[in-house]
């Protein structure tokens, strides 16, 4: 199809020819379309664009990354690895060790100058240096002129030394004093942190802990540029400040342990009598001076308190017999008077009966059954109970009394009942 046919087909239906110049415009459009269509038989703009792209790629290719800038025609090439360096010309390849700090310095020519020298118009430094540290190796490189210097700092190995000590005690009551023994070896000097705010440079110091608590003791030993520290713990407990309260009444005392929280409580009344518990009543057999010793202990602490007391013969006193002889012919009665022969058949107090302000007497069988009770010191027991003679044997009595002067006592004893 010719351009003329194409044009005519596009104007079907028109009754007259197009205006002049339309043919020329159609020819230009057809030529442009043909130029932009790819094909091996003719030259077009696509070939020009491809050639231009190849030229740009060639001229803008990146240079070799391993090639370092040169000075005076000499190349210096540094490998990426931390363990290898290449220096040209005539250089050597140093080795690398993790325990060695490597420094490579290159002293520049005196004619070298700073990159900004032209703009600043200033005199160059007589010995300028530029340090570059490779982050993966820790190697500092100073670059200038070809003269290369390498410095290595080698750390000395750790010496064979120890830090150790022993404490004479690890638990105790405040105030607690302990002795420390230094067991360290091959050290130049040592320093103690005693845990109570004090320090010491002595070889074997002693330390006192005045308050309860847990204390950490530290010993720091030094050899060369190295140091070691050892630790130990001491637990100090509060001492129980026990007290003894004593009430004395005649030959009898009532002793009580006060200010005691817990633990074992042991009494020693000074007359070879020992009892356990917080409170006790004790009657001495004769007057004298006695030391009461109270010992309170727990898992850690033991506290001992002593109190001295004096037991005097009371101004007023009463006593009881240890046996009676009951009459099988009938019950007898009356006051117990030591001057009367019939008193052998009656059990009751003798002594300062008229000075008693309080009195209570009870008699029991060995099985614990009461057979007699009175609050009148003049009433006596005749061996009968409900008008019947009690069996012969041993009975138990308990008596509590108080005199008008305030002295009081509690007496326990045995009485033997016999028949005549």
Protein backbone atom coordinates (compact mmCIF):
# COMPACT_ATOMS: atom_id res chain seq x y z
CA UNK A 1 0.00 0.00 0.00
CA UNK A 2 1.41 3.36 -0.89
CA UNK A 3 1.18 6.43 1.23
CA UNK A 4 -1.36 7.73 -1.11
CA UNK A 5 -3.55 4.70 -0.69
CA UNK A 6 -3.16 4.91 3.11
CA UNK A 7 -4.14 8.50 3.13
CA UNK A 8 -7.10 7.93 0.89
CA UNK A 9 -8.36 5.06 3.00
CA UNK A 10 -8.27 7.27 6.04
CA UNK A 11 -10.44 9.84 4.31
CA UNK A 12 -13.18 7.56 2.99
CA UNK A 13 -16.45 9.37 2.79
CA UNK A 14 -14.95 12.70 1.83
CA UNK A 15 -16.33 14.08 -1.41
CA UNK A 16 -13.32 16.18 -2.30
CA UNK A 17 -9.55 16.07 -2.03
CA UNK A 18 -7.80 17.43 1.08
CA UNK A 19 -6.17 20.85 0.96
CA UNK A 20 -2.66 21.28 -0.51
CA UNK A 21 0.31 20.30 1.72
CA UNK A 22 -1.45 17.36 3.39
CA UNK A 23 0.55 14.91 1.33
CA UNK A 24 3.82 16.35 2.51
CA UNK A 25 2.76 16.06 6.18
CA UNK A 26 1.66 12.45 5.70
CA UNK A 27 5.01 11.60 4.12
CA UNK A 28 6.91 13.05 7.10
CA UNK A 29 4.85 11.06 9.59
CA UNK A 30 5.42 7.85 7.67
CA UNK A 31 9.18 8.48 7.53
CA UNK A 32 9.37 9.11 11.30
CA UNK A 33 7.47 5.91 12.05
CA UNK A 34 9.81 3.95 9.84
CA UNK A 35 12.89 5.49 11.55
CA UNK A 36 11.69 4.54 15.01
CA UNK A 37 10.81 0.98 14.09
CA UNK A 38 13.65 -1.53 14.96
CA UNK A 39 15.15 -3.35 12.03
CA UNK A 40 18.45 -4.59 10.66
CA UNK A 41 17.91 -3.11 7.25
CA UNK A 42 18.13 0.53 8.28
CA UNK A 43 19.79 2.86 10.93
CA UNK A 44 17.64 4.33 13.74
CA UNK A 45 17.82 6.08 17.16
CA UNK A 46 17.81 2.86 19.15
CA UNK A 47 21.29 1.96 17.93
CA UNK A 48 22.54 5.40 18.94
CA UNK A 49 21.19 5.03 22.51
CA UNK A 50 22.78 1.60 23.00
CA UNK A 51 26.17 2.81 21.88
CA UNK A 52 26.04 5.81 24.20
CA UNK A 53 25.25 3.56 27.18
CA UNK A 54 28.29 1.38 26.51
CA UNK A 55 30.60 4.40 26.34
CA UNK A 56 29.31 5.81 29.66
CA UNK A 57 29.79 2.42 31.39
CA UNK A 58 33.39 2.20 30.27
CA UNK A 59 34.38 5.70 31.39
CA UNK A 60 32.63 5.54 34.80
CA UNK A 61 33.93 2.14 35.93
CA UNK A 62 35.18 2.22 39.66
CA UNK A 63 38.96 1.93 40.27
CA UNK A 64 40.65 -0.88 42.22
CA UNK A 65 39.68 -0.59 45.95
CA UNK A 66 42.89 -2.20 47.11
CA UNK A 67 45.09 0.41 45.40
CA UNK A 68 46.07 3.11 47.94
CA UNK A 69 47.05 6.65 46.89
CA UNK A 70 50.66 6.95 45.86
CA UNK A 71 53.29 9.47 46.79
CA UNK A 72 56.45 10.05 44.78
CA UNK A 73 55.53 7.12 42.54
CA UNK A 74 55.56 4.56 45.39
CA UNK A 75 52.56 2.32 46.03
CA UNK A 76 51.45 1.20 49.52
CA UNK A 77 48.87 -1.58 49.56
CA UNK A 78 47.23 -2.76 52.84
CA UNK A 79 45.36 -6.07 52.89
CA UNK A 80 41.87 -6.21 54.39
CA UNK A 81 42.82 -9.00 56.81
CA UNK A 82 44.01 -8.00 60.28
CA UNK A 83 46.84 -10.50 60.06
CA UNK A 84 48.48 -9.38 56.75
CA UNK A 85 50.03 -6.19 55.40
CA UNK A 86 51.66 -5.71 51.95
CA UNK A 87 54.00 -2.76 51.37
CA UNK A 88 55.52 -1.87 48.01
CA UNK A 89 58.16 -1.46 46.95
CA UNK A 90 60.74 -3.39 49.03
CA UNK A 91 58.43 -3.75 52.10
CA UNK A 92 58.04 -6.69 54.44
CA UNK A 93 54.92 -8.55 55.59
CA UNK A 94 54.58 -8.34 59.38
CA UNK A 95 52.64 -10.95 61.35
CA UNK A 96 49.73 -10.10 63.74
CA UNK A 97 48.91 -11.38 67.17
CA UNK A 98 45.71 -10.64 69.17
CA UNK A 99 47.74 -9.91 72.28
CA UNK A 100 50.01 -7.36 70.47
CA UNK A 101 49.13 -3.77 69.68
CA UNK A 102 50.70 -2.99 66.24
CA UNK A 103 51.45 0.56 65.21
CA UNK A 104 52.71 1.35 61.68
CA UNK A 105 53.96 4.90 61.20
CA UNK A 106 55.03 6.46 57.88
CA UNK A 107 56.94 9.72 58.15
CA UNK A 108 56.03 12.08 55.25
CA UNK A 109 58.45 14.10 53.08
CA UNK A 110 58.96 17.63 54.29
CA UNK A 111 57.53 18.92 51.04
CA UNK A 112 54.19 17.23 51.77
CA UNK A 113 51.47 19.52 52.97
CA UNK A 114 47.88 19.50 54.13
CA UNK A 115 45.14 19.02 51.50
CA UNK A 116 43.93 22.56 52.30
CA UNK A 117 47.31 24.23 52.04
CA UNK A 118 46.55 26.09 48.80
CA UNK A 119 43.39 27.64 50.14
CA UNK A 120 44.73 28.48 53.62
CA UNK A 121 48.10 29.94 52.48
CA UNK A 122 49.79 28.65 55.65
CA UNK A 123 53.13 26.98 56.32
CA UNK A 124 52.93 23.17 56.46
CA UNK A 125 53.64 21.24 59.67
CA UNK A 126 57.26 20.06 59.76
CA UNK A 127 56.14 16.58 60.84
CA UNK A 128 52.45 16.06 60.04
CA UNK A 129 50.91 12.67 60.66
CA UNK A 130 47.55 11.09 60.03
CA UNK A 131 46.42 8.18 62.16
CA UNK A 132 43.91 5.61 60.90
CA UNK A 133 42.68 2.82 63.14
CA UNK A 134 41.20 -0.27 61.53
CA UNK A 135 38.14 -1.12 63.67
CA UNK A 136 38.44 -4.86 63.12
CA UNK A 137 42.10 -5.11 64.14
CA UNK A 138 42.87 -2.27 66.53
CA UNK A 139 45.99 -1.40 64.41
CA UNK A 140 46.88 2.30 64.24
CA UNK A 141 48.46 3.38 60.91
CA UNK A 142 50.18 6.74 60.47
CA UNK A 143 50.83 7.53 56.81
CA UNK A 144 53.36 9.98 55.28
CA UNK A 145 56.69 9.25 53.59
CA UNK A 146 57.93 5.75 52.71
CA UNK A 147 60.01 5.24 55.88
CA UNK A 148 57.94 2.68 57.90
CA UNK A 149 58.27 2.00 61.65
CA UNK A 150 56.42 -0.74 63.58
CA UNK A 151 56.05 -0.78 67.39
CA UNK A 152 54.63 -3.72 69.40
CA UNK A 153 53.41 -3.64 73.04
CA UNK A 154 53.27 -7.16 74.49
CA UNK A 155 51.29 -7.64 77.74
CA UNK A 156 53.12 -9.62 80.39
CA UNK A 157 51.43 -12.90 81.41
CA UNK A 158 49.49 -13.04 84.71
CA UNK A 159 51.78 -14.08 87.58
CA UNK A 160 50.98 -17.11 89.73
CA UNK A 161 49.56 -15.60 92.95
CA UNK A 162 46.53 -16.19 95.18
CA UNK A 163 44.13 -14.35 97.47
CA UNK A 164 42.81 -16.35 100.43
CA UNK A 165 42.27 -15.94 104.19
CA UNK A 166 40.69 -17.61 107.20
CA UNK A 167 38.49 -16.16 109.99
CA UNK A 168 38.67 -17.51 113.54
CA UNK A 169 34.86 -17.30 113.87
CA UNK A 170 31.95 -16.96 111.46
CA UNK A 171 29.13 -16.56 114.01
CA UNK A 172 28.86 -15.01 117.46
CA UNK A 173 27.25 -12.41 119.66
CA UNK A 174 27.86 -8.70 119.58
CA UNK A 175 30.38 -7.43 120.44
CA UNK A 176 32.34 -10.10 118.53
CA UNK A 177 36.11 -9.98 117.97
CA UNK A 178 37.66 -12.32 115.39
CA UNK A 179 41.20 -12.90 114.14
CA UNK A 180 41.94 -12.95 110.40
CA UNK A 181 44.76 -15.03 108.91
CA UNK A 182 46.15 -14.14 105.47
CA UNK A 183 46.77 -17.31 103.41
CA UNK A 184 47.67 -15.53 100.13
CA UNK A 185 50.87 -16.43 98.27
CA UNK A 186 53.28 -14.63 95.91
CA UNK A 187 51.71 -11.18 96.41
CA UNK A 188 53.38 -7.79 96.57
CA UNK A 189 50.93 -6.24 99.03
CA UNK A 190 47.38 -6.72 100.33
CA UNK A 191 44.48 -4.58 101.50
CA UNK A 192 41.67 -5.64 103.85
CA UNK A 193 38.09 -4.36 103.76
CA UNK A 194 36.85 -5.50 107.18
CA UNK A 195 33.14 -5.05 106.45
CA UNK A 196 32.50 -2.61 109.31
CA UNK A 197 33.76 0.47 107.47
CA UNK A 198 37.42 -0.11 108.37
CA UNK A 199 40.38 -1.04 106.15
CA UNK A 200 43.77 -2.47 107.03
CA UNK A 201 47.11 -3.25 105.40
CA UNK A 202 48.27 -5.57 108.19
CA UNK A 203 49.15 -9.14 107.40
CA UNK A 204 46.82 -10.74 110.00
CA UNK A 205 44.51 -8.09 111.51
CA UNK A 206 41.86 -8.50 114.22
CA UNK A 207 38.42 -6.93 113.84
CA UNK A 208 35.59 -6.25 116.31
CA UNK A 209 31.90 -6.09 115.33
CA UNK A 210 29.94 -4.13 117.93
CA UNK A 211 26.49 -4.38 116.36
CA UNK A 212 24.43 -7.35 115.14
CA UNK A 213 24.37 -7.95 111.39
CA UNK A 214 25.96 -9.84 108.49
CA UNK A 215 29.40 -8.56 107.52
CA UNK A 216 31.37 -9.32 104.32
CA UNK A 217 35.16 -9.28 104.70
CA UNK A 218 37.26 -8.82 101.53
CA UNK A 219 41.01 -9.32 100.97
CA UNK A 220 42.53 -7.75 97.83
CA UNK A 221 46.01 -8.90 96.84
CA UNK A 222 48.20 -7.33 94.14
CA UNK A 223 51.05 -8.73 92.03
CA UNK A 224 52.42 -6.51 89.25
CA UNK A 225 49.51 -5.03 87.34
CA UNK A 226 47.10 -7.77 88.42
CA UNK A 227 44.82 -8.02 91.48
CA UNK A 228 42.65 -10.73 93.02
CA UNK A 229 40.00 -10.50 95.76
CA UNK A 230 38.64 -13.15 98.13
CA UNK A 231 35.59 -12.86 100.41
CA UNK A 232 34.13 -14.36 103.60
CA UNK A 233 30.99 -13.68 105.67
CA UNK A 234 30.56 -13.24 109.44
CA UNK A 235 27.12 -13.27 111.11
CA UNK A 236 26.82 -11.37 114.39
CA UNK A 237 23.69 -11.88 116.51
CA UNK A 238 22.20 -9.75 119.27
CA UNK A 239 22.96 -10.91 122.78
CA UNK A 240 19.89 -11.42 124.99
CA UNK A 241 20.18 -9.01 127.89
CA UNK A 242 18.59 -11.35 130.45
CA UNK A 243 17.72 -10.08 133.92
CA UNK A 244 16.89 -11.83 137.20
CA UNK A 245 13.94 -10.70 139.29
CA UNK A 246 13.84 -12.13 142.83
CA UNK A 247 11.24 -11.86 145.58
CA UNK A 248 12.45 -13.13 148.97
CA UNK A 249 10.11 -14.26 151.70
CA UNK A 250 11.81 -15.84 154.67
CA UNK A 251 13.72 -18.88 153.42
CA UNK A 252 11.76 -18.96 150.14
CA UNK A 253 12.39 -16.97 146.97
CA UNK A 254 10.53 -16.54 143.68
CA UNK A 255 12.98 -16.07 140.76
CA UNK A 256 11.91 -14.95 137.27
CA UNK A 257 13.93 -14.51 134.04
CA UNK A 258 13.08 -11.25 132.30
CA UNK A 259 14.01 -9.73 128.94
CA UNK A 260 14.31 -13.23 127.46
CA UNK A 261 12.80 -13.95 124.04
CA UNK A 262 13.51 -17.63 123.40
CA UNK A 263 16.04 -20.41 123.86
CA UNK A 264 17.05 -22.57 126.79
CA UNK A 265 16.72 -21.10 130.31
CA UNK A 266 18.69 -22.78 133.10
CA UNK A 267 18.77 -21.75 136.80
CA UNK A 268 21.44 -22.52 139.38
CA UNK A 269 20.27 -21.37 142.83
CA UNK A 270 23.68 -21.75 144.49
CA UNK A 271 22.73 -24.65 146.78
CA UNK A 272 23.28 -27.38 144.15
CA UNK A 273 19.70 -26.95 142.92
CA UNK A 274 19.24 -26.54 139.16
CA UNK A 275 15.95 -25.98 137.38
CA UNK A 276 14.84 -25.09 133.85
CA UNK A 277 12.13 -22.61 132.96
CA UNK A 278 11.34 -18.93 133.07
CA UNK A 279 9.99 -18.70 136.65
CA UNK A 280 10.55 -20.78 139.79
CA UNK A 281 9.89 -20.82 143.55
CA UNK A 282 12.69 -22.18 145.69
CA UNK A 283 13.08 -22.64 149.45
CA UNK A 284 16.53 -22.72 151.05
CA UNK A 285 17.19 -25.07 153.94
CA UNK A 286 19.44 -22.71 155.87
CA UNK A 287 20.36 -19.05 155.93
CA UNK A 288 23.38 -17.82 153.94
CA UNK A 289 24.62 -15.91 150.91
CA UNK A 290 23.80 -17.54 147.55
CA UNK A 291 24.71 -16.72 143.95
CA UNK A 292 21.82 -17.30 141.56
CA UNK A 293 23.12 -17.98 138.03
CA UNK A 294 20.79 -17.65 135.02
CA UNK A 295 22.00 -18.98 131.65
CA UNK A 296 20.06 -18.23 128.46
CA UNK A 297 21.22 -19.72 125.15
CA UNK A 298 20.05 -20.08 121.55
CA UNK A 299 21.64 -21.44 118.37
CA UNK A 300 24.34 -18.72 118.32
CA UNK A 301 24.53 -16.78 121.58
CA UNK A 302 24.82 -17.71 125.24
CA UNK A 303 24.14 -15.12 127.92
CA UNK A 304 24.87 -15.65 131.62
CA UNK A 305 23.63 -13.42 134.45
CA UNK A 306 24.47 -13.74 138.16
CA UNK A 307 22.67 -12.23 141.13
CA UNK A 308 23.74 -12.60 144.76
CA UNK A 309 21.07 -12.86 147.49
CA UNK A 310 21.15 -13.23 151.28
CA UNK A 311 18.82 -15.61 153.05
CA UNK A 312 18.29 -14.72 156.70
CA UNK A 313 16.65 -16.56 159.54
CA UNK A 314 13.12 -15.13 159.62
CA UNK A 315 11.98 -13.17 162.66
CA UNK A 316 8.89 -15.34 162.82
CA UNK A 317 8.70 -19.01 161.95
CA UNK A 318 6.56 -22.10 162.22
CA UNK A 319 7.46 -25.79 161.88
CA UNK A 320 5.59 -29.04 161.34
CA UNK A 321 6.22 -32.51 162.73
CA UNK A 322 7.07 -35.36 160.37
CA UNK A 323 4.90 -38.00 162.07
CA UNK A 324 1.87 -38.48 164.36
CA UNK A 325 0.52 -41.44 166.36
CA UNK A 326 -3.25 -41.66 166.03
CA UNK A 327 -5.40 -43.23 168.74
CA UNK A 328 -7.43 -46.23 167.64
CA UNK A 329 -9.84 -45.61 170.53
CA UNK A 330 -11.13 -42.38 169.06
CA UNK A 331 -10.24 -39.09 167.57
CA UNK A 332 -8.47 -36.52 169.69
CA UNK A 333 -8.53 -32.77 169.28
CA UNK A 334 -6.83 -29.63 170.48
CA UNK A 335 -4.01 -27.24 169.71
CA UNK A 336 -0.58 -28.50 168.85
CA UNK A 337 1.69 -27.48 171.75
CA UNK A 338 5.16 -28.83 172.07
CA UNK A 339 4.89 -28.87 175.91
CA UNK A 340 1.85 -31.18 175.91
CA UNK A 341 2.46 -34.93 175.69
CA UNK A 342 -0.81 -35.48 173.80
CA UNK A 343 0.54 -33.53 170.84
CA UNK A 344 1.99 -36.72 169.41
CA UNK A 345 -1.51 -37.52 168.16
CA UNK A 346 -2.05 -34.16 166.41
CA UNK A 347 -0.49 -32.63 163.29
CA UNK A 348 -0.23 -28.82 163.20
CA UNK A 349 2.18 -25.89 163.25
CA UNK A 350 4.31 -24.85 166.16
CA UNK A 351 6.10 -21.56 166.58
CA UNK A 352 4.84 -17.99 166.04
CA UNK A 353 1.26 -18.99 165.34
CA UNK A 354 -0.16 -15.80 166.78
CA UNK A 355 1.87 -13.71 164.30
CA UNK A 356 0.28 -15.33 161.27
CA UNK A 357 -1.94 -13.13 159.14
CA UNK A 358 -2.65 -15.76 156.45
CA UNK A 359 -2.66 -19.51 156.74
CA UNK A 360 -3.75 -22.51 154.60
CA UNK A 361 -2.99 -26.21 155.24
CA UNK A 362 -4.08 -29.21 153.13
CA UNK A 363 -3.19 -32.87 153.63
CA UNK A 364 -3.41 -35.45 150.80
CA UNK A 365 -3.11 -39.19 150.45
CA UNK A 366 -0.37 -40.56 148.18
CA UNK A 367 -3.07 -40.86 145.50
CA UNK A 368 -3.77 -37.10 145.74
CA UNK A 369 -7.07 -37.26 147.69
CA UNK A 370 -7.45 -34.46 150.27
CA UNK A 371 -8.22 -35.72 153.80
CA UNK A 372 -7.81 -32.49 155.76
CA UNK A 373 -7.97 -28.72 155.08
CA UNK A 374 -7.98 -25.64 157.31
CA UNK A 375 -7.24 -21.93 157.23
CA UNK A 376 -6.87 -21.69 161.01
CA UNK A 377 -3.40 -22.39 162.33
CA UNK A 378 -4.90 -23.73 165.59
CA UNK A 379 -6.82 -26.50 163.82
CA UNK A 380 -4.91 -29.79 163.79
CA UNK A 381 -5.26 -33.16 162.04
CA UNK A 382 -5.73 -36.22 164.21
CA UNK A 383 -5.38 -38.95 161.55
CA UNK A 384 -9.13 -39.28 160.96
CA UNK A 385 -11.24 -38.50 157.93
CA UNK A 386 -15.04 -38.36 158.22
CA UNK A 387 -14.67 -39.86 161.70
CA UNK A 388 -12.78 -42.86 160.35
CA UNK A 389 -9.14 -43.66 161.12
CA UNK A 390 -7.00 -43.40 158.02
CA UNK A 391 -4.63 -46.22 157.08
CA UNK A 392 -1.10 -46.07 158.30
CA UNK A 393 1.42 -44.70 155.84
CA UNK A 394 2.89 -41.52 154.33
CA UNK A 395 0.75 -38.48 153.56
CA UNK A 396 1.62 -35.21 151.82
CA UNK A 397 0.91 -31.73 153.14
CA UNK A 398 1.08 -28.24 151.59
CA UNK A 399 1.01 -25.07 153.65
CA UNK A 400 1.07 -21.42 152.66
CA UNK A 401 1.30 -18.67 155.27
CA UNK A 402 2.23 -15.04 155.81
CA UNK A 403 3.25 -13.17 158.96
CA UNK A 404 2.11 -9.75 159.99
CA UNK A 405 5.50 -8.28 159.04
CA UNK A 406 4.97 -9.30 155.41
CA UNK A 407 7.18 -12.37 155.37
CA UNK A 408 5.53 -15.29 153.60
CA UNK A 409 6.41 -18.84 152.68
CA UNK A 410 5.13 -21.98 151.04
CA UNK A 411 6.04 -25.31 152.60
CA UNK A 412 5.60 -28.81 151.17
CA UNK A 413 6.41 -31.95 153.09
CA UNK A 414 5.58 -35.52 154.12
CA UNK A 415 3.95 -36.84 157.30
CA UNK A 416 3.89 -40.44 158.48
CA UNK A 417 0.69 -41.68 160.14
CA UNK A 418 1.14 -44.34 162.87
CA UNK A 419 -1.30 -46.11 165.21
CA UNK A 420 -0.84 -46.49 168.95
